[in-house]
Amino acid sequence: VWNLASNRLSFLNSFKMKMSVILGITHMTFGVILGVFNHLHFKNICSIYLVFIPELVFMVSLFGYLMFMIIYKWLAYSAANSNLAPSILIHFINMFVMQSNDNAQLYTGQVGI
């Protein structure tokens, strides 16, 4: 269906960009998890608590939430109502600058998160 649409190129670019974000985050998380085996092999238990756990918590909480928003937006909005979907990029930026846009929510209860 998307091959016949007039916005085919913008859809494919957006899709490829979101897929690369998901694959990149998965790859980074896998690399951090592999790092714990180095810490265990060299018996560097301190690095597990001071490096591995903070890296994993930060990455999963921040980028895991980004992956959740991307997948939720794919599932919740179709081509018919895609013009109503809020921007994930704007929401992610507003999350860091502590601003909220109550009228552009991706899901109910998003402001509380």
N, C-alpha and C. Protein backbone atom coordinates (compact mmCIF):
# COMPACT_ATOMS: atom_id res chain seq x y z
N VAL A 1 0.83 -1.18 0.00
CA VAL A 1 0.00 0.00 0.00
C VAL A 1 0.88 1.25 0.00
N TRP A 2 1.99 1.23 0.76
CA TRP A 2 2.83 2.42 0.85
C TRP A 2 3.56 2.71 -0.45
N ASN A 3 3.73 1.70 -1.31
CA ASN A 3 4.39 1.95 -2.59
C ASN A 3 3.54 2.81 -3.51
N LEU A 4 2.23 2.79 -3.32
CA LEU A 4 1.32 3.59 -4.14
C LEU A 4 1.03 4.96 -3.56
N ALA A 5 1.40 5.18 -2.32
CA ALA A 5 1.07 6.44 -1.64
C ALA A 5 1.96 7.57 -2.13
N SER A 6 1.43 8.78 -2.01
CA SER A 6 2.20 9.95 -2.44
C SER A 6 3.32 10.31 -1.46
N ASN A 7 3.19 9.89 -0.20
CA ASN A 7 4.22 10.19 0.81
C ASN A 7 5.11 8.97 1.08
N ARG A 8 5.34 8.18 0.06
CA ARG A 8 6.13 6.95 0.20
C ARG A 8 7.54 7.22 0.72
N LEU A 9 8.21 8.20 0.16
CA LEU A 9 9.60 8.47 0.54
C LEU A 9 9.71 8.94 1.99
N SER A 10 8.83 9.82 2.41
CA SER A 10 8.90 10.30 3.80
C SER A 10 8.55 9.18 4.78
N PHE A 11 7.62 8.30 4.39
CA PHE A 11 7.30 7.17 5.27
C PHE A 11 8.49 6.23 5.39
N LEU A 12 9.11 5.88 4.26
CA LEU A 12 10.23 4.95 4.29
C LEU A 12 11.42 5.53 5.06
N ASN A 13 11.70 6.81 4.90
CA ASN A 13 12.80 7.43 5.64
C ASN A 13 12.52 7.42 7.14
N SER A 14 11.29 7.73 7.52
CA SER A 14 10.92 7.73 8.93
C SER A 14 10.99 6.31 9.50
N PHE A 15 10.52 5.35 8.74
CA PHE A 15 10.56 3.96 9.19
C PHE A 15 11.99 3.47 9.37
N LYS A 16 12.85 3.76 8.41
CA LYS A 16 14.25 3.34 8.50
C LYS A 16 14.95 4.01 9.67
N MET A 17 14.64 5.28 9.92
CA MET A 17 15.27 5.99 11.03
C MET A 17 14.84 5.37 12.36
N LYS A 18 13.56 5.07 12.51
CA LYS A 18 13.08 4.49 13.77
C LYS A 18 13.61 3.07 13.96
N MET A 19 13.71 2.31 12.89
CA MET A 19 14.27 0.96 13.00
C MET A 19 15.75 1.01 13.37
N SER A 20 16.48 1.98 12.83
CA SER A 20 17.90 2.09 13.18
C SER A 20 18.07 2.51 14.64
N VAL A 21 17.17 3.34 15.16
CA VAL A 21 17.23 3.70 16.58
C VAL A 21 16.99 2.47 17.44
N ILE A 22 16.00 1.67 17.11
CA ILE A 22 15.69 0.47 17.88
C ILE A 22 16.85 -0.52 17.83
N LEU A 23 17.40 -0.76 16.64
CA LEU A 23 18.53 -1.68 16.53
C LEU A 23 19.78 -1.15 17.23
N GLY A 24 20.02 0.15 17.14
CA GLY A 24 21.17 0.75 17.82
C GLY A 24 21.08 0.65 19.32
N ILE A 25 19.91 0.91 19.88
CA ILE A 25 19.72 0.81 21.33
C ILE A 25 19.87 -0.63 21.79
N THR A 26 19.33 -1.56 21.01
CA THR A 26 19.48 -2.97 21.34
C THR A 26 20.94 -3.39 21.31
N HIS A 27 21.66 -2.91 20.33
CA HIS A 27 23.09 -3.23 20.20
C HIS A 27 23.90 -2.64 21.35
N MET A 28 23.61 -1.39 21.73
CA MET A 28 24.33 -0.77 22.86
C MET A 28 24.04 -1.50 24.16
N THR A 29 22.78 -1.89 24.38
CA THR A 29 22.42 -2.60 25.61
C THR A 29 23.13 -3.95 25.67
N PHE A 30 23.18 -4.63 24.53
CA PHE A 30 23.88 -5.91 24.48
C PHE A 30 25.37 -5.73 24.79
N GLY A 31 25.97 -4.67 24.30
CA GLY A 31 27.38 -4.39 24.59
C GLY A 31 27.62 -4.10 26.05
N VAL A 32 26.71 -3.38 26.69
CA VAL A 32 26.85 -3.10 28.12
C VAL A 32 26.71 -4.39 28.92
N ILE A 33 25.79 -5.25 28.51
CA ILE A 33 25.61 -6.52 29.22
C ILE A 33 26.84 -7.41 29.04
N LEU A 34 27.45 -7.39 27.86
CA LEU A 34 28.68 -8.17 27.65
C LEU A 34 29.82 -7.65 28.51
N GLY A 35 29.81 -6.35 28.81
CA GLY A 35 30.86 -5.77 29.64
C GLY A 35 30.89 -6.34 31.05
N VAL A 36 29.75 -6.81 31.54
CA VAL A 36 29.73 -7.38 32.90
C VAL A 36 30.56 -8.66 32.96
N PHE A 37 30.66 -9.38 31.85
CA PHE A 37 31.48 -10.59 31.85
C PHE A 37 32.97 -10.26 31.98
N ASN A 38 33.39 -9.13 31.41
CA ASN A 38 34.77 -8.68 31.61
C ASN A 38 35.01 -8.34 33.08
N HIS A 39 34.07 -7.66 33.70
CA HIS A 39 34.21 -7.31 35.11
C HIS A 39 34.28 -8.56 35.97
N LEU A 40 33.48 -9.57 35.63
CA LEU A 40 33.51 -10.81 36.40
C LEU A 40 34.79 -11.59 36.16
N HIS A 41 35.27 -11.62 34.93
CA HIS A 41 36.50 -12.35 34.61
C HIS A 41 37.71 -11.77 35.33
N PHE A 42 37.79 -10.44 35.36
CA PHE A 42 38.92 -9.78 36.01
C PHE A 42 38.68 -9.53 37.50
N LYS A 43 37.59 -10.09 38.02
CA LYS A 43 37.23 -10.00 39.45
C LYS A 43 37.19 -8.54 39.92
N ASN A 44 36.59 -7.71 39.09
CA ASN A 44 36.47 -6.29 39.40
C ASN A 44 35.01 -6.02 39.80
N ILE A 45 34.66 -6.47 40.99
CA ILE A 45 33.28 -6.37 41.47
C ILE A 45 32.86 -4.92 41.66
N CYS A 46 33.79 -4.08 42.01
CA CYS A 46 33.48 -2.66 42.21
C CYS A 46 32.95 -2.03 40.92
N SER A 47 33.50 -2.43 39.78
CA SER A 47 33.03 -1.88 38.49
C SER A 47 31.62 -2.34 38.15
N ILE A 48 31.21 -3.48 38.67
CA ILE A 48 29.83 -3.92 38.42
C ILE A 48 28.86 -2.96 39.09
N TYR A 49 29.16 -2.58 40.31
CA TYR A 49 28.27 -1.69 41.05
C TYR A 49 28.39 -0.23 40.62
N LEU A 50 29.58 0.19 40.24
CA LEU A 50 29.80 1.61 39.94
C LEU A 50 29.76 1.95 38.45
N VAL A 51 29.86 0.95 37.58
CA VAL A 51 29.85 1.21 36.13
C VAL A 51 28.68 0.51 35.46
N PHE A 52 28.60 -0.81 35.62
CA PHE A 52 27.61 -1.59 34.88
C PHE A 52 26.18 -1.24 35.26
N ILE A 53 25.88 -1.26 36.54
CA ILE A 53 24.49 -1.02 36.98
C ILE A 53 24.03 0.40 36.64
N PRO A 54 24.82 1.46 36.90
CA PRO A 54 24.36 2.80 36.48
C PRO A 54 24.19 2.94 34.96
N GLU A 55 25.12 2.34 34.18
CA GLU A 55 24.98 2.40 32.72
C GLU A 55 23.69 1.73 32.27
N LEU A 56 23.42 0.55 32.82
CA LEU A 56 22.24 -0.20 32.41
C LEU A 56 20.96 0.50 32.84
N VAL A 57 20.93 1.03 34.05
CA VAL A 57 19.73 1.73 34.53
C VAL A 57 19.47 2.97 33.68
N PHE A 58 20.51 3.74 33.41
CA PHE A 58 20.35 4.95 32.60
C PHE A 58 19.89 4.60 31.19
N MET A 59 20.53 3.62 30.58
CA MET A 59 20.22 3.28 29.19
C MET A 59 18.82 2.70 29.05
N VAL A 60 18.47 1.80 29.94
CA VAL A 60 17.15 1.17 29.83
C VAL A 60 16.05 2.15 30.18
N SER A 61 16.26 2.99 31.18
CA SER A 61 15.19 3.92 31.55
C SER A 61 14.98 4.99 30.49
N LEU A 62 16.05 5.50 29.93
CA LEU A 62 15.92 6.59 28.97
C LEU A 62 15.63 6.06 27.56
N PHE A 63 16.51 5.24 27.06
CA PHE A 63 16.34 4.76 25.69
C PHE A 63 15.31 3.65 25.58
N GLY A 64 15.10 2.91 26.66
CA GLY A 64 14.01 1.93 26.67
C GLY A 64 12.66 2.62 26.55
N TYR A 65 12.51 3.76 27.21
CA TYR A 65 11.28 4.53 27.10
C TYR A 65 11.11 5.07 25.67
N LEU A 66 12.20 5.47 25.05
CA LEU A 66 12.14 5.93 23.66
C LEU A 66 11.69 4.79 22.75
N MET A 67 12.24 3.60 22.96
CA MET A 67 11.81 2.45 22.15
C MET A 67 10.34 2.13 22.39
N PHE A 68 9.90 2.23 23.64
CA PHE A 68 8.49 2.00 23.95
C PHE A 68 7.60 2.98 23.20
N MET A 69 8.00 4.26 23.20
CA MET A 69 7.18 5.26 22.51
C MET A 69 7.13 5.02 21.00
N ILE A 70 8.24 4.61 20.41
CA ILE A 70 8.26 4.34 18.97
C ILE A 70 7.34 3.18 18.64
N ILE A 71 7.46 2.09 19.38
CA ILE A 71 6.63 0.91 19.10
C ILE A 71 5.17 1.19 19.40
N TYR A 72 4.88 1.92 20.47
CA TYR A 72 3.50 2.26 20.79
C TYR A 72 2.88 3.14 19.70
N LYS A 73 3.64 4.08 19.19
CA LYS A 73 3.12 4.95 18.14
C LYS A 73 2.84 4.16 16.88
N TRP A 74 3.69 3.17 16.56
CA TRP A 74 3.42 2.32 15.40
C TRP A 74 2.13 1.54 15.57
N LEU A 75 1.87 1.06 16.78
CA LEU A 75 0.70 0.23 17.01
C LEU A 75 -0.58 1.03 17.23
N ALA A 76 -0.48 2.21 17.81
CA ALA A 76 -1.67 2.97 18.19
C ALA A 76 -2.22 3.83 17.05
N TYR A 77 -1.37 4.27 16.13
CA TYR A 77 -1.81 5.17 15.08
C TYR A 77 -1.63 4.51 13.72
N SER A 78 -2.67 4.58 12.92
CA SER A 78 -2.61 4.02 11.56
C SER A 78 -2.40 5.15 10.56
N ALA A 79 -2.39 4.81 9.29
CA ALA A 79 -2.21 5.82 8.26
C ALA A 79 -3.38 6.79 8.22
N ALA A 80 -4.55 6.32 8.62
CA ALA A 80 -5.75 7.17 8.58
C ALA A 80 -5.70 8.27 9.63
N ASN A 81 -5.16 7.99 10.80
CA ASN A 81 -5.13 9.00 11.86
C ASN A 81 -3.70 9.40 12.24
N SER A 82 -2.76 9.26 11.33
CA SER A 82 -1.37 9.60 11.64
C SER A 82 -1.16 11.09 11.84
N ASN A 83 -2.04 11.92 11.30
CA ASN A 83 -1.90 13.36 11.51
C ASN A 83 -2.23 13.77 12.94
N LEU A 84 -2.88 12.89 13.71
CA LEU A 84 -3.20 13.18 15.11
C LEU A 84 -2.09 12.74 16.07
N ALA A 85 -1.13 11.97 15.56
CA ALA A 85 -0.08 11.43 16.42
C ALA A 85 0.90 12.54 16.83
N PRO A 86 1.22 12.62 18.11
CA PRO A 86 2.19 13.63 18.57
C PRO A 86 3.61 13.24 18.17
N SER A 87 4.48 14.22 18.15
CA SER A 87 5.86 14.00 17.76
C SER A 87 6.65 13.40 18.93
N ILE A 88 7.33 12.31 18.68
CA ILE A 88 8.16 11.68 19.71
C ILE A 88 9.38 12.54 20.00
N LEU A 89 9.95 13.14 18.98
CA LEU A 89 11.13 13.99 19.15
C LEU A 89 10.83 15.18 20.06
N ILE A 90 9.71 15.85 19.82
CA ILE A 90 9.33 17.01 20.64
C ILE A 90 9.08 16.56 22.08
N HIS A 91 8.42 15.42 22.25
CA HIS A 91 8.16 14.93 23.61
C HIS A 91 9.48 14.60 24.33
N PHE A 92 10.42 13.99 23.63
CA PHE A 92 11.69 13.61 24.24
C PHE A 92 12.49 14.85 24.64
N ILE A 93 12.46 15.88 23.81
CA ILE A 93 13.15 17.14 24.15
C ILE A 93 12.46 17.81 25.33
N ASN A 94 11.14 17.85 25.33
CA ASN A 94 10.40 18.47 26.43
C ASN A 94 10.61 17.72 27.74
N MET A 95 10.87 16.43 27.65
CA MET A 95 11.11 15.64 28.85
C MET A 95 12.41 16.10 29.54
N PHE A 96 13.40 16.51 28.77
CA PHE A 96 14.67 16.95 29.34
C PHE A 96 14.62 18.38 29.84
N VAL A 97 13.84 19.22 29.20
CA VAL A 97 13.77 20.62 29.64
C VAL A 97 12.63 20.85 30.61
N MET A 98 12.00 19.77 31.06
CA MET A 98 10.93 19.79 32.07
C MET A 98 9.73 20.63 31.65
N GLN A 99 9.38 20.56 30.39
CA GLN A 99 8.17 21.21 29.91
C GLN A 99 7.15 20.13 29.58
N SER A 100 5.89 20.46 29.70
CA SER A 100 4.86 19.49 29.33
C SER A 100 3.90 20.12 28.35
N ASN A 101 3.46 19.31 27.43
CA ASN A 101 2.47 19.73 26.45
C ASN A 101 1.28 18.80 26.65
N ASP A 102 0.33 19.23 27.49
CA ASP A 102 -0.76 18.35 27.91
C ASP A 102 -1.69 17.96 26.77
N ASN A 103 -1.80 18.78 25.75
CA ASN A 103 -2.74 18.46 24.68
C ASN A 103 -2.17 17.50 23.65
N ALA A 104 -0.88 17.22 23.66
CA ALA A 104 -0.27 16.31 22.69
C ALA A 104 0.31 15.11 23.43
N GLN A 105 -0.57 14.25 23.94
CA GLN A 105 -0.13 13.06 24.65
C GLN A 105 -0.17 11.85 23.73
N LEU A 106 0.81 10.98 23.87
CA LEU A 106 0.84 9.76 23.08
C LEU A 106 -0.11 8.72 23.67
N TYR A 107 -0.21 8.68 24.99
CA TYR A 107 -1.12 7.76 25.68
C TYR A 107 -1.60 8.44 26.96
N THR A 108 -2.67 7.92 27.52
CA THR A 108 -3.21 8.52 28.73
C THR A 108 -2.27 8.24 29.90
N GLY A 109 -2.06 9.23 30.73
CA GLY A 109 -1.17 9.12 31.86
C GLY A 109 0.28 9.43 31.53
N GLN A 110 0.56 9.91 30.35
CA GLN A 110 1.94 10.17 29.94
C GLN A 110 2.53 11.35 30.70
N VAL A 111 1.74 12.30 31.09
CA VAL A 111 2.24 13.48 31.80
C VAL A 111 2.85 13.07 33.13
N GLY A 112 2.27 12.08 33.78
CA GLY A 112 2.78 11.62 35.07
C GLY A 112 4.13 10.97 34.98
N ILE A 113 4.44 10.40 33.85
CA ILE A 113 5.73 9.74 33.67
C ILE A 113 6.76 10.77 33.37
